[in-house]
Each structure stands twice: as structure tokens, then as C-alpha cells.
Protein backbone atom coordinates (compact mmCIF):
# COMPACT_ATOMS: atom_id res chain seq x y z
CA MET A 1 9.65 -0.56 -20.20
CA ASN A 2 9.11 2.86 -18.72
CA GLU A 3 8.09 2.68 -15.04
CA THR A 4 5.28 5.19 -15.51
CA LEU A 5 3.83 3.13 -18.33
CA THR A 6 4.12 -0.01 -16.23
CA LEU A 7 2.25 1.62 -13.36
CA LEU A 8 -0.41 2.94 -15.73
CA LEU A 9 -0.93 -0.53 -17.18
CA ALA A 10 -1.14 -1.99 -13.66
CA TRP A 11 -3.77 0.64 -12.80
CA VAL A 12 -5.79 -0.18 -15.94
CA ALA A 13 -5.52 -3.91 -15.22
CA GLY A 14 -6.71 -3.30 -11.66
CA GLY A 15 -9.64 -1.29 -13.00
CA LEU A 16 -10.57 -4.14 -15.30
CA LEU A 17 -10.28 -6.65 -12.47
CA GLY A 18 -12.41 -4.45 -10.19
CA THR A 19 -15.04 -3.99 -12.88
CA ILE A 20 -15.21 -7.74 -13.46
CA PHE A 21 -15.31 -8.46 -9.70
CA PHE A 22 -18.00 -5.97 -8.73
CA GLY A 23 -19.94 -6.33 -11.98
CA GLY A 24 -20.01 -10.05 -11.32
CA LEU A 25 -21.24 -9.40 -7.80
CA TRP A 26 -24.06 -7.20 -9.12
CA TRP A 27 -25.01 -9.85 -11.69
CA THR A 28 -24.90 -12.60 -9.05
CA VAL A 29 -27.23 -10.73 -6.71
CA ARG A 30 -29.71 -10.17 -9.53
CA GLN A 31 -29.63 -13.86 -10.50
CA GLY A 32 -29.40 -15.24 -6.97
CA VAL A 33 -32.46 -13.55 -5.49
CA SER A 34 -34.76 -15.15 -8.06
CA SER A 35 -33.07 -18.56 -8.07
CA PRO A 36 -34.42 -21.62 -6.25
CA HIS A 37 -30.82 -22.30 -5.09
CA PRO A 38 -29.29 -18.92 -4.26
CA ALA A 39 -26.52 -20.39 -2.11
CA LEU A 40 -25.03 -22.07 -5.16
CA TRP A 41 -25.06 -18.79 -7.08
CA PHE A 42 -23.40 -16.85 -4.28
CA LEU A 43 -20.82 -19.49 -3.39
CA GLY A 44 -19.90 -20.25 -6.99
CA SER A 45 -19.70 -16.59 -7.88
CA MET A 46 -17.56 -15.81 -4.86
CA LEU A 47 -15.09 -18.56 -5.73
CA VAL A 48 -14.81 -17.49 -9.38
CA ARG A 49 -14.61 -13.76 -8.64
CA MET A 50 -12.07 -14.16 -5.82
CA GLY A 51 -9.99 -16.56 -7.90
CA LEU A 52 -9.88 -14.16 -10.84
CA ALA A 53 -9.13 -11.14 -8.65
CA VAL A 54 -6.38 -12.80 -6.62
CA ALA A 55 -4.75 -14.41 -9.66
CA GLY A 56 -4.96 -11.17 -11.63
CA ILE A 57 -3.51 -9.04 -8.86
CA TYR A 58 -0.76 -11.61 -8.30
CA LEU A 59 0.18 -11.60 -11.99
CA VAL A 60 0.02 -7.82 -12.33
CA GLY A 61 1.94 -7.12 -9.11
CA ARG A 62 4.83 -9.50 -9.73
CA GLY A 63 6.12 -8.75 -6.24
CA ASP A 64 6.59 -5.02 -6.86
CA TRP A 65 4.79 -2.94 -4.25
CA LYS A 66 4.31 0.01 -6.63
CA ARG A 67 2.49 -2.15 -9.18
CA LEU A 68 0.40 -3.70 -6.41
CA VAL A 69 -0.66 -0.27 -5.14
CA ALA A 70 -1.48 0.88 -8.68
CA CYS A 71 -3.47 -2.30 -9.26
CA PHE A 72 -5.43 -1.91 -6.02
CA LEU A 73 -6.19 1.73 -6.82
CA GLY A 74 -7.45 0.66 -10.23
CA PHE A 75 -9.52 -2.05 -8.51
CA LEU A 76 -11.23 0.66 -6.44
CA VAL A 77 -11.85 2.73 -9.57
CA GLY A 78 -13.49 -0.36 -11.09
CA ARG A 79 -15.78 -0.50 -8.08
CA LEU A 80 -16.76 3.13 -8.54
CA ILE A 81 -17.48 2.54 -12.22
CA VAL A 82 -19.77 -0.40 -11.46
CA MET A 83 -21.52 1.57 -8.72
CA TRP A 84 -22.11 4.43 -11.16
CA LEU A 85 -23.36 2.16 -13.95
CA THR A 86 -25.70 0.15 -11.70
CA ARG A 87 -27.18 2.92 -9.56
CA PRO A 88 -30.98 3.03 -9.38
CA ARG A 89 -32.61 5.10 -12.09
CA GLU A 90 -34.83 6.88 -9.53
CA GLU A 91 -31.67 8.46 -8.14
CA ILE A 92 -31.00 9.99 -11.54
CA ARG A 93 -34.53 11.38 -11.81
CA SER A 94 -34.51 12.80 -8.28
CA ARG A 95 -31.23 14.63 -8.94
CA ALA A 96 -32.64 16.12 -12.12
CA THR A 97 -35.75 17.25 -10.22
CA GLU A 98 -33.65 18.85 -7.48
CA GLU A 99 -31.56 20.67 -10.05
CA ALA A 100 -34.68 21.95 -11.83
CA ILE A 101 -36.06 23.31 -8.56
CA HIS A 102 -32.84 25.19 -7.83
CA ALA A 103 -32.36 26.45 -11.37
CA PRO A 104 -32.50 30.25 -11.74
């Protein structure tokens, strides 16, 4: 397989792993704060998310440092995607208000 395609697939896989990891963290926080046993939510979620992330990165990397770097970069992109999708809606409105004030 072409090395560029392999690195691209490793990057995409890392992005998927990062989205699952940080999306799961966001979901856990939302569930855990209203739960009567939040420690179970946080501990269980951490074990599942870390297990998936480590196993996924191990399988994608296969001992090649280039694939590992591509996977980790994708993982960070996954984090940015989750941060963008879960940002507070007030932030969106305040930006729109600021842009309207500065509009010509």
C-alpha cells in the first residue's frame, strides 16, 4: 500500500479515536454530575476510553513511528472537533453580536 495512503488512514483512525475518547469524556461529565454515584461513571469511563484509545493506537501504529505520529495528530484533531461541537451556545451568540457591532 502507498505510504501516503497508509499515513492518511492512520490520521483518520486517530481522529476517530480522539473523537470517541473526548466525546466520551464530554458525555461522562454530563452523566456523572447528575448521578448519585459519579465516581463509578468517571472510573468506568476512564477505563473504557483509555482501553479503546491505547488499543486503537497500538493497532494503528504497528511499531512504525510515522503511523504513530499521524495517529496522534489525528487524535488531537478529534479533540478539536469535539471541542467545537460541544462549545457553549452563548459563545456562538456573543461572537455573532460582536461581529454585528463591528460590521460596516
